[in-house]
Amino acid sequence: MYIDLFFTFLKLGCITFGGGYAMIPVLERELIKKRNWATMEEIMDYYTIAQVTPGIIAINVSTFIGFKLKGFLGGIISTTAFIIPGISFVTIIAVALQNFADYPIIKNAFAGIRIAVGVLIIDTVYKLLKGSLKDKKSIVIFILAFLFSAVLSANPALIVIAAGLAGFFIYYPKEKKI
């Protein structure tokens, strides 16, 4: 299992670009559909926790999944495997970029990559909204959080905390009655 965990996250580290949200479709395919290591709800919970903890979302999620599957050592293995390609790629790019950054082919390639990452993020936002907006209360929380973020440029950490508190107070009484 440790070897499978290592090579799965090494592969994820190689094929995911654009940050945490852009990797959700890849995680869905590799970890949920292909390996059945997590559910989409668990992945979204990990993303939520990763939002309010220090560090890069993708690395935190890798750690959470590895820990869920094989404990402390699983978390270390999945995290290490996930960061190896990125560290290697960034090192190579840093060296090469100094020599080739002004080449039109490199500039154009990065322009195309940015577009693809944007598409992956839009796909992720759609899936998050579809899974999160289940009733009128969740829509109200979404609209308020969006307004505070997009219109008022409020601190993202405060938005997450406020939305968490709102969700707790709005939904907790229902859960208590069960």
N, C-alpha and C. Protein backbone atom coordinates (compact mmCIF):
# COMPACT_ATOMS: atom_id res chain seq x y z
N MET A 1 0.82 -1.20 0.00
CA MET A 1 0.00 0.00 0.00
C MET A 1 0.87 1.26 0.00
N TYR A 2 1.97 1.25 0.75
CA TYR A 2 2.85 2.43 0.80
C TYR A 2 3.43 2.74 -0.58
N ILE A 3 3.79 1.70 -1.32
CA ILE A 3 4.35 1.90 -2.66
C ILE A 3 3.28 2.47 -3.58
N ASP A 4 2.08 1.93 -3.50
CA ASP A 4 0.97 2.44 -4.31
C ASP A 4 0.68 3.90 -3.95
N LEU A 5 0.68 4.21 -2.68
CA LEU A 5 0.47 5.57 -2.20
C LEU A 5 1.55 6.50 -2.76
N PHE A 6 2.82 6.07 -2.68
CA PHE A 6 3.93 6.88 -3.17
C PHE A 6 3.77 7.16 -4.67
N PHE A 7 3.57 6.11 -5.47
CA PHE A 7 3.54 6.32 -6.91
C PHE A 7 2.26 7.04 -7.37
N THR A 8 1.17 6.87 -6.66
CA THR A 8 -0.04 7.61 -7.00
C THR A 8 0.18 9.10 -6.79
N PHE A 9 0.75 9.48 -5.65
CA PHE A 9 0.95 10.90 -5.38
C PHE A 9 2.12 11.47 -6.17
N LEU A 10 3.09 10.64 -6.54
CA LEU A 10 4.15 11.09 -7.44
C LEU A 10 3.52 11.44 -8.80
N LYS A 11 2.63 10.57 -9.27
CA LYS A 11 1.93 10.83 -10.54
C LYS A 11 1.09 12.11 -10.42
N LEU A 12 0.35 12.26 -9.31
CA LEU A 12 -0.46 13.46 -9.13
C LEU A 12 0.40 14.71 -9.12
N GLY A 13 1.57 14.62 -8.49
CA GLY A 13 2.49 15.75 -8.48
C GLY A 13 3.00 16.09 -9.86
N CYS A 14 3.08 15.09 -10.73
CA CYS A 14 3.56 15.31 -12.11
C CYS A 14 2.48 15.89 -13.02
N ILE A 15 1.24 15.55 -12.77
CA ILE A 15 0.19 15.91 -13.74
C ILE A 15 -0.73 17.02 -13.27
N THR A 16 -0.54 17.55 -12.07
CA THR A 16 -1.42 18.62 -11.61
C THR A 16 -0.68 19.94 -11.66
N PHE A 17 -1.27 20.88 -12.35
CA PHE A 17 -0.73 22.22 -12.48
C PHE A 17 -1.80 23.22 -12.09
N GLY A 18 -1.37 24.37 -11.63
CA GLY A 18 -2.30 25.46 -11.39
C GLY A 18 -2.80 25.57 -9.97
N GLY A 19 -2.25 24.84 -9.05
CA GLY A 19 -2.65 24.99 -7.66
C GLY A 19 -3.74 24.03 -7.25
N GLY A 20 -4.19 24.20 -6.02
CA GLY A 20 -5.10 23.28 -5.37
C GLY A 20 -6.41 23.05 -6.08
N TYR A 21 -7.10 24.11 -6.48
CA TYR A 21 -8.42 23.95 -7.07
C TYR A 21 -8.36 23.33 -8.45
N ALA A 22 -7.30 23.60 -9.17
CA ALA A 22 -7.17 23.03 -10.51
C ALA A 22 -6.96 21.53 -10.46
N MET A 23 -6.57 21.00 -9.30
CA MET A 23 -6.31 19.57 -9.23
C MET A 23 -7.52 18.75 -8.81
N ILE A 24 -8.62 19.39 -8.46
CA ILE A 24 -9.81 18.64 -8.03
C ILE A 24 -10.28 17.63 -9.08
N PRO A 25 -10.39 18.01 -10.36
CA PRO A 25 -10.82 17.00 -11.34
C PRO A 25 -9.85 15.81 -11.42
N VAL A 26 -8.56 16.06 -11.26
CA VAL A 26 -7.58 14.97 -11.30
C VAL A 26 -7.73 14.09 -10.06
N LEU A 27 -7.90 14.71 -8.90
CA LEU A 27 -8.11 13.94 -7.66
C LEU A 27 -9.37 13.10 -7.77
N GLU A 28 -10.41 13.68 -8.34
CA GLU A 28 -11.67 12.95 -8.50
C GLU A 28 -11.46 11.69 -9.33
N ARG A 29 -10.74 11.84 -10.43
CA ARG A 29 -10.50 10.69 -11.31
C ARG A 29 -9.59 9.66 -10.64
N GLU A 30 -8.47 10.11 -10.08
CA GLU A 30 -7.46 9.20 -9.56
C GLU A 30 -7.79 8.59 -8.19
N LEU A 31 -8.32 9.40 -7.29
CA LEU A 31 -8.51 8.93 -5.92
C LEU A 31 -9.93 8.44 -5.63
N ILE A 32 -10.89 9.02 -6.30
CA ILE A 32 -12.29 8.63 -6.03
C ILE A 32 -12.74 7.54 -7.00
N LYS A 33 -12.68 7.83 -8.28
CA LYS A 33 -13.22 6.90 -9.28
C LYS A 33 -12.30 5.69 -9.50
N LYS A 34 -11.01 5.94 -9.63
CA LYS A 34 -10.08 4.86 -9.98
C LYS A 34 -9.70 3.99 -8.78
N ARG A 35 -9.42 4.61 -7.62
CA ARG A 35 -8.90 3.85 -6.48
C ARG A 35 -9.88 3.73 -5.31
N ASN A 36 -10.92 4.53 -5.32
CA ASN A 36 -11.91 4.51 -4.24
C ASN A 36 -11.27 4.74 -2.86
N TRP A 37 -10.30 5.67 -2.82
CA TRP A 37 -9.61 5.99 -1.57
C TRP A 37 -10.33 7.08 -0.78
N ALA A 38 -11.23 7.81 -1.43
CA ALA A 38 -11.94 8.90 -0.77
C ALA A 38 -13.22 9.16 -1.52
N THR A 39 -14.10 9.93 -0.91
CA THR A 39 -15.32 10.39 -1.57
C THR A 39 -15.14 11.86 -1.92
N MET A 40 -15.99 12.38 -2.78
CA MET A 40 -15.91 13.80 -3.13
C MET A 40 -16.18 14.65 -1.89
N GLU A 41 -17.06 14.19 -1.04
CA GLU A 41 -17.34 14.93 0.19
C GLU A 41 -16.10 15.00 1.08
N GLU A 42 -15.36 13.90 1.18
CA GLU A 42 -14.12 13.91 1.96
C GLU A 42 -13.09 14.86 1.34
N ILE A 43 -12.96 14.81 0.02
CA ILE A 43 -12.01 15.70 -0.67
C ILE A 43 -12.39 17.16 -0.39
N MET A 44 -13.68 17.48 -0.46
CA MET A 44 -14.12 18.85 -0.19
C MET A 44 -13.87 19.23 1.27
N ASP A 45 -14.06 18.28 2.18
CA ASP A 45 -13.74 18.54 3.59
C ASP A 45 -12.25 18.81 3.76
N TYR A 46 -11.41 18.05 3.08
CA TYR A 46 -9.96 18.26 3.16
C TYR A 46 -9.60 19.64 2.60
N TYR A 47 -10.25 20.02 1.51
CA TYR A 47 -10.01 21.35 0.93
C TYR A 47 -10.42 22.44 1.92
N THR A 48 -11.54 22.23 2.59
CA THR A 48 -12.01 23.20 3.56
C THR A 48 -11.00 23.35 4.70
N ILE A 49 -10.54 22.23 5.22
CA ILE A 49 -9.54 22.27 6.30
C ILE A 49 -8.25 22.90 5.79
N ALA A 50 -7.84 22.54 4.58
CA ALA A 50 -6.60 23.07 4.02
C ALA A 50 -6.67 24.58 3.81
N GLN A 51 -7.88 25.10 3.60
CA GLN A 51 -8.05 26.55 3.43
C GLN A 51 -7.66 27.31 4.68
N VAL A 52 -7.89 26.74 5.84
CA VAL A 52 -7.66 27.46 7.09
C VAL A 52 -6.40 27.00 7.82
N THR A 53 -5.59 26.16 7.16
CA THR A 53 -4.32 25.75 7.75
C THR A 53 -3.19 26.30 6.90
N PRO A 54 -2.04 26.52 7.53
CA PRO A 54 -0.91 27.06 6.75
C PRO A 54 -0.45 26.06 5.69
N GLY A 55 0.05 26.59 4.60
CA GLY A 55 0.62 25.74 3.56
C GLY A 55 -0.21 25.71 2.30
N ILE A 56 0.32 24.99 1.35
CA ILE A 56 -0.30 24.88 0.03
C ILE A 56 -1.43 23.86 0.10
N ILE A 57 -2.57 24.21 -0.46
CA ILE A 57 -3.77 23.36 -0.40
C ILE A 57 -3.48 21.96 -0.93
N ALA A 58 -2.86 21.86 -2.09
CA ALA A 58 -2.62 20.55 -2.71
C ALA A 58 -1.77 19.66 -1.82
N ILE A 59 -0.78 20.24 -1.19
CA ILE A 59 0.09 19.45 -0.31
C ILE A 59 -0.67 19.04 0.95
N ASN A 60 -1.44 19.95 1.51
CA ASN A 60 -2.23 19.61 2.70
C ASN A 60 -3.22 18.48 2.40
N VAL A 61 -3.88 18.56 1.25
CA VAL A 61 -4.84 17.52 0.88
C VAL A 61 -4.12 16.18 0.70
N SER A 62 -2.95 16.19 0.07
CA SER A 62 -2.16 14.96 -0.07
C SER A 62 -1.85 14.36 1.29
N THR A 63 -1.47 15.22 2.22
CA THR A 63 -1.16 14.76 3.58
C THR A 63 -2.38 14.14 4.23
N PHE A 64 -3.52 14.81 4.13
CA PHE A 64 -4.76 14.30 4.75
C PHE A 64 -5.14 12.94 4.19
N ILE A 65 -5.06 12.78 2.89
CA ILE A 65 -5.45 11.51 2.27
C ILE A 65 -4.47 10.41 2.67
N GLY A 66 -3.18 10.70 2.61
CA GLY A 66 -2.18 9.71 3.04
C GLY A 66 -2.38 9.30 4.48
N PHE A 67 -2.66 10.29 5.34
CA PHE A 67 -2.89 10.00 6.76
C PHE A 67 -4.15 9.16 6.94
N LYS A 68 -5.20 9.48 6.20
CA LYS A 68 -6.45 8.70 6.29
C LYS A 68 -6.20 7.24 5.94
N LEU A 69 -5.40 7.01 4.90
CA LEU A 69 -5.19 5.65 4.41
C LEU A 69 -4.20 4.85 5.24
N LYS A 70 -3.09 5.49 5.64
CA LYS A 70 -2.02 4.72 6.31
C LYS A 70 -1.38 5.47 7.48
N GLY A 71 -2.12 6.36 8.10
CA GLY A 71 -1.63 7.01 9.30
C GLY A 71 -0.51 8.01 9.04
N PHE A 72 0.29 8.25 10.07
CA PHE A 72 1.35 9.25 10.02
C PHE A 72 2.33 9.00 8.88
N LEU A 73 2.80 7.75 8.74
CA LEU A 73 3.74 7.41 7.68
C LEU A 73 3.10 7.60 6.30
N GLY A 74 1.83 7.25 6.17
CA GLY A 74 1.12 7.47 4.91
C GLY A 74 1.07 8.95 4.54
N GLY A 75 0.85 9.80 5.53
CA GLY A 75 0.84 11.24 5.29
C GLY A 75 2.18 11.75 4.81
N ILE A 76 3.24 11.26 5.43
CA ILE A 76 4.59 11.67 5.04
C ILE A 76 4.92 11.18 3.62
N ILE A 77 4.57 9.94 3.34
CA ILE A 77 4.87 9.36 2.02
C ILE A 77 4.11 10.10 0.92
N SER A 78 2.82 10.32 1.11
CA SER A 78 2.03 10.97 0.07
C SER A 78 2.49 12.41 -0.14
N THR A 79 2.81 13.11 0.93
CA THR A 79 3.28 14.49 0.82
C THR A 79 4.62 14.56 0.11
N THR A 80 5.55 13.70 0.52
CA THR A 80 6.87 13.69 -0.10
C THR A 80 6.77 13.36 -1.59
N ALA A 81 6.00 12.34 -1.91
CA ALA A 81 5.84 11.94 -3.31
C ALA A 81 5.21 13.07 -4.12
N PHE A 82 4.25 13.77 -3.55
CA PHE A 82 3.57 14.84 -4.28
C PHE A 82 4.51 16.02 -4.57
N ILE A 83 5.42 16.34 -3.65
CA ILE A 83 6.26 17.52 -3.86
C ILE A 83 7.51 17.25 -4.69
N ILE A 84 7.92 16.00 -4.83
CA ILE A 84 9.12 15.69 -5.61
C ILE A 84 9.04 16.24 -7.04
N PRO A 85 7.97 15.98 -7.80
CA PRO A 85 7.93 16.52 -9.17
C PRO A 85 7.93 18.06 -9.20
N GLY A 86 7.21 18.68 -8.28
CA GLY A 86 7.15 20.13 -8.28
C GLY A 86 8.50 20.76 -8.00
N ILE A 87 9.18 20.24 -7.01
CA ILE A 87 10.51 20.77 -6.68
C ILE A 87 11.46 20.56 -7.87
N SER A 88 11.40 19.39 -8.46
CA SER A 88 12.26 19.10 -9.62
C SER A 88 11.93 20.02 -10.79
N PHE A 89 10.64 20.17 -11.07
CA PHE A 89 10.19 21.00 -12.19
C PHE A 89 10.57 22.46 -11.98
N VAL A 90 10.34 22.98 -10.78
CA VAL A 90 10.66 24.37 -10.49
C VAL A 90 12.16 24.62 -10.61
N THR A 91 12.95 23.68 -10.16
CA THR A 91 14.41 23.82 -10.26
C THR A 91 14.84 23.87 -11.72
N ILE A 92 14.31 22.96 -12.52
CA ILE A 92 14.65 22.93 -13.95
C ILE A 92 14.16 24.21 -14.64
N ILE A 93 12.93 24.60 -14.35
CA ILE A 93 12.36 25.81 -14.96
C ILE A 93 13.17 27.04 -14.56
N ALA A 94 13.54 27.14 -13.29
CA ALA A 94 14.30 28.31 -12.83
C ALA A 94 15.61 28.44 -13.60
N VAL A 95 16.28 27.32 -13.80
CA VAL A 95 17.54 27.34 -14.54
C VAL A 95 17.28 27.67 -16.01
N ALA A 96 16.30 27.00 -16.61
CA ALA A 96 16.03 27.18 -18.03
C ALA A 96 15.38 28.54 -18.33
N LEU A 97 14.54 29.01 -17.44
CA LEU A 97 13.81 30.25 -17.68
C LEU A 97 14.74 31.44 -17.83
N GLN A 98 15.83 31.41 -17.09
CA GLN A 98 16.80 32.50 -17.21
C GLN A 98 17.33 32.60 -18.64
N ASN A 99 17.46 31.47 -19.29
CA ASN A 99 18.02 31.45 -20.64
C ASN A 99 16.97 31.56 -21.75
N PHE A 100 15.72 31.15 -21.46
CA PHE A 100 14.74 31.05 -22.54
C PHE A 100 13.45 31.85 -22.33
N ALA A 101 13.36 32.63 -21.27
CA ALA A 101 12.11 33.32 -20.93
C ALA A 101 11.62 34.26 -22.01
N ASP A 102 12.52 34.82 -22.77
CA ASP A 102 12.12 35.79 -23.79
C ASP A 102 11.76 35.16 -25.13
N TYR A 103 11.88 33.85 -25.25
CA TYR A 103 11.53 33.19 -26.50
C TYR A 103 10.01 33.20 -26.67
N PRO A 104 9.54 33.55 -27.84
CA PRO A 104 8.09 33.58 -28.06
C PRO A 104 7.40 32.23 -27.81
N ILE A 105 8.07 31.14 -28.15
CA ILE A 105 7.44 29.83 -27.95
C ILE A 105 7.19 29.56 -26.47
N ILE A 106 8.09 29.99 -25.60
CA ILE A 106 7.93 29.81 -24.16
C ILE A 106 6.80 30.70 -23.65
N LYS A 107 6.78 31.96 -24.07
CA LYS A 107 5.70 32.88 -23.66
C LYS A 107 4.35 32.35 -24.10
N ASN A 108 4.27 31.85 -25.33
CA ASN A 108 3.01 31.33 -25.85
C ASN A 108 2.58 30.05 -25.14
N ALA A 109 3.54 29.20 -24.80
CA ALA A 109 3.21 27.97 -24.06
C ALA A 109 2.62 28.33 -22.70
N PHE A 110 3.23 29.29 -22.00
CA PHE A 110 2.69 29.69 -20.70
C PHE A 110 1.31 30.32 -20.84
N ALA A 111 1.07 31.04 -21.92
CA ALA A 111 -0.27 31.61 -22.15
C ALA A 111 -1.30 30.50 -22.30
N GLY A 112 -0.95 29.46 -23.03
CA GLY A 112 -1.86 28.31 -23.19
C GLY A 112 -2.09 27.57 -21.89
N ILE A 113 -1.02 27.40 -21.11
CA ILE A 113 -1.15 26.71 -19.82
C ILE A 113 -2.06 27.49 -18.89
N ARG A 114 -1.92 28.83 -18.86
CA ARG A 114 -2.80 29.65 -18.00
C ARG A 114 -4.27 29.47 -18.38
N ILE A 115 -4.55 29.37 -19.67
CA ILE A 115 -5.93 29.17 -20.12
C ILE A 115 -6.45 27.81 -19.65
N ALA A 116 -5.65 26.77 -19.80
CA ALA A 116 -6.06 25.43 -19.36
C ALA A 116 -6.30 25.39 -17.86
N VAL A 117 -5.43 26.05 -17.09
CA VAL A 117 -5.61 26.10 -15.64
C VAL A 117 -6.90 26.84 -15.30
N GLY A 118 -7.19 27.92 -16.01
CA GLY A 118 -8.44 28.65 -15.80
C GLY A 118 -9.66 27.76 -16.02
N VAL A 119 -9.62 26.94 -17.06
CA VAL A 119 -10.72 26.01 -17.35
C VAL A 119 -10.88 25.01 -16.21
N LEU A 120 -9.76 24.47 -15.71
CA LEU A 120 -9.83 23.51 -14.60
C LEU A 120 -10.41 24.16 -13.35
N ILE A 121 -10.06 25.41 -13.10
CA ILE A 121 -10.60 26.11 -11.93
C ILE A 121 -12.09 26.36 -12.10
N ILE A 122 -12.54 26.75 -13.28
CA ILE A 122 -13.97 26.96 -13.53
C ILE A 122 -14.73 25.65 -13.35
N ASP A 123 -14.17 24.55 -13.85
CA ASP A 123 -14.79 23.23 -13.67
C ASP A 123 -14.92 22.90 -12.19
N THR A 124 -13.89 23.20 -11.42
CA THR A 124 -13.91 22.94 -9.99
C THR A 124 -14.95 23.80 -9.28
N VAL A 125 -15.01 25.07 -9.64
CA VAL A 125 -16.01 25.96 -9.04
C VAL A 125 -17.41 25.43 -9.32
N TYR A 126 -17.66 25.00 -10.53
CA TYR A 126 -18.97 24.44 -10.87
C TYR A 126 -19.29 23.24 -10.00
N LYS A 127 -18.33 22.33 -9.83
CA LYS A 127 -18.57 21.14 -9.01
C LYS A 127 -18.76 21.50 -7.54
N LEU A 128 -17.99 22.46 -7.05
CA LEU A 128 -18.14 22.89 -5.67
C LEU A 128 -19.52 23.50 -5.44
N LEU A 129 -19.95 24.34 -6.36
CA LEU A 129 -21.27 24.97 -6.22
C LEU A 129 -22.38 23.93 -6.30
N LYS A 130 -22.27 23.02 -7.23
CA LYS A 130 -23.28 21.98 -7.39
C LYS A 130 -23.41 21.13 -6.13
N GLY A 131 -22.29 20.86 -5.49
CA GLY A 131 -22.31 20.03 -4.29
C GLY A 131 -22.63 20.80 -3.02
N SER A 132 -22.43 22.12 -3.04
CA SER A 132 -22.59 22.91 -1.82
C SER A 132 -23.92 23.64 -1.72
N LEU A 133 -24.45 24.07 -2.83
CA LEU A 133 -25.67 24.87 -2.80
C LEU A 133 -26.89 23.95 -2.86
N LYS A 134 -27.26 23.45 -1.68
CA LYS A 134 -28.32 22.44 -1.61
C LYS A 134 -29.66 23.00 -1.15
N ASP A 135 -29.65 24.19 -0.56
CA ASP A 135 -30.89 24.78 -0.08
C ASP A 135 -30.76 26.30 -0.08
N LYS A 136 -31.83 26.99 0.31
CA LYS A 136 -31.83 28.45 0.29
C LYS A 136 -30.81 29.03 1.28
N LYS A 137 -30.63 28.37 2.40
CA LYS A 137 -29.67 28.86 3.40
C LYS A 137 -28.25 28.85 2.85
N SER A 138 -27.90 27.78 2.17
CA SER A 138 -26.54 27.70 1.62
C SER A 138 -26.35 28.73 0.50
N ILE A 139 -27.40 29.01 -0.25
CA ILE A 139 -27.32 30.03 -1.30
C ILE A 139 -27.10 31.41 -0.68
N VAL A 140 -27.76 31.70 0.43
CA VAL A 140 -27.59 32.98 1.12
C VAL A 140 -26.15 33.11 1.63
N ILE A 141 -25.62 32.06 2.24
CA ILE A 141 -24.23 32.09 2.71
C ILE A 141 -23.29 32.32 1.53
N PHE A 142 -23.54 31.64 0.41
CA PHE A 142 -22.72 31.80 -0.78
C PHE A 142 -22.75 33.24 -1.28
N ILE A 143 -23.93 33.80 -1.42
CA ILE A 143 -24.06 35.17 -1.94
C ILE A 143 -23.35 36.17 -1.03
N LEU A 144 -23.55 36.03 0.28
CA LEU A 144 -22.89 36.94 1.21
C LEU A 144 -21.36 36.78 1.16
N ALA A 145 -20.89 35.55 1.14
CA ALA A 145 -19.44 35.32 1.06
C ALA A 145 -18.87 35.89 -0.24
N PHE A 146 -19.59 35.68 -1.34
CA PHE A 146 -19.15 36.20 -2.63
C PHE A 146 -19.10 37.73 -2.61
N LEU A 147 -20.14 38.36 -2.07
CA LEU A 147 -20.16 39.82 -2.00
C LEU A 147 -19.02 40.36 -1.14
N PHE A 148 -18.80 39.75 0.01
CA PHE A 148 -17.71 40.20 0.87
C PHE A 148 -16.35 40.01 0.18
N SER A 149 -16.22 38.95 -0.60
CA SER A 149 -14.96 38.69 -1.29
C SER A 149 -14.79 39.57 -2.52
N ALA A 150 -15.74 39.50 -3.43
CA ALA A 150 -15.58 40.16 -4.73
C ALA A 150 -15.82 41.67 -4.67
N VAL A 151 -16.79 42.10 -3.88
CA VAL A 151 -17.15 43.51 -3.86
C VAL A 151 -16.38 44.28 -2.78
N LEU A 152 -16.31 43.72 -1.60
CA LEU A 152 -15.69 44.43 -0.48
C LEU A 152 -14.22 44.05 -0.25
N SER A 153 -13.72 43.06 -0.99
CA SER A 153 -12.34 42.58 -0.84
C SER A 153 -11.98 42.26 0.61
N ALA A 154 -12.90 41.61 1.29
CA ALA A 154 -12.68 41.24 2.69
C ALA A 154 -11.59 40.17 2.78
N ASN A 155 -11.01 40.07 3.94
CA ASN A 155 -9.97 39.08 4.19
C ASN A 155 -10.56 37.67 4.01
N PRO A 156 -9.95 36.82 3.14
CA PRO A 156 -10.48 35.48 2.90
C PRO A 156 -10.60 34.63 4.17
N ALA A 157 -9.66 34.77 5.08
CA ALA A 157 -9.73 33.99 6.33
C ALA A 157 -10.97 34.37 7.12
N LEU A 158 -11.29 35.65 7.16
CA LEU A 158 -12.49 36.09 7.88
C LEU A 158 -13.76 35.60 7.20
N ILE A 159 -13.75 35.55 5.87
CA ILE A 159 -14.91 35.04 5.14
C ILE A 159 -15.13 33.57 5.46
N VAL A 160 -14.06 32.79 5.46
CA VAL A 160 -14.16 31.36 5.76
C VAL A 160 -14.65 31.15 7.19
N ILE A 161 -14.11 31.91 8.14
CA ILE A 161 -14.54 31.79 9.54
C ILE A 161 -16.00 32.19 9.68
N ALA A 162 -16.38 33.30 9.07
CA ALA A 162 -17.78 33.77 9.16
C ALA A 162 -18.73 32.75 8.53
N ALA A 163 -18.36 32.20 7.38
CA ALA A 163 -19.22 31.21 6.72
C ALA A 163 -19.31 29.94 7.57
N GLY A 164 -18.21 29.55 8.19
CA GLY A 164 -18.23 28.38 9.07
C GLY A 164 -19.14 28.60 10.27
N LEU A 165 -19.05 29.77 10.87
CA LEU A 165 -19.92 30.09 12.01
C LEU A 165 -21.39 30.15 11.57
N ALA A 166 -21.62 30.77 10.41
CA ALA A 166 -23.00 30.85 9.90
C ALA A 166 -23.55 29.45 9.66
N GLY A 167 -22.76 28.59 9.02
CA GLY A 167 -23.20 27.22 8.79
C GLY A 167 -23.47 26.48 10.08
N PHE A 168 -22.61 26.68 11.06
CA PHE A 168 -22.81 26.03 12.35
C PHE A 168 -24.14 26.46 12.97
N PHE A 169 -24.36 27.75 13.06
CA PHE A 169 -25.57 28.24 13.73
C PHE A 169 -26.84 28.00 12.92
N ILE A 170 -26.73 27.98 11.61
CA ILE A 170 -27.91 27.74 10.78
C ILE A 170 -28.29 26.26 10.77
N TYR A 171 -27.30 25.39 10.66
CA TYR A 171 -27.59 23.97 10.50
C TYR A 171 -27.55 23.17 11.79
N TYR A 172 -26.89 23.63 12.80
CA TYR A 172 -26.75 22.87 14.05
C TYR A 172 -28.10 22.51 14.70
N PRO A 173 -29.02 23.46 14.82
CA PRO A 173 -30.31 23.09 15.45
C PRO A 173 -30.99 21.92 14.77
N LYS A 174 -30.90 21.82 13.44
CA LYS A 174 -31.51 20.70 12.72
C LYS A 174 -30.86 19.39 13.14
N GLU A 175 -29.54 19.38 13.22
CA GLU A 175 -28.83 18.15 13.59
C GLU A 175 -29.15 17.74 15.01
N LYS A 176 -29.35 18.69 15.90
CA LYS A 176 -29.59 18.40 17.31
C LYS A 176 -30.92 17.69 17.52
N LYS A 177 -31.90 17.97 16.68
CA LYS A 177 -33.24 17.38 16.83
C LYS A 177 -33.27 15.90 16.49
N ILE A 178 -32.28 15.40 15.83
CA ILE A 178 -32.30 13.99 15.39
C ILE A 178 -32.17 13.06 16.54
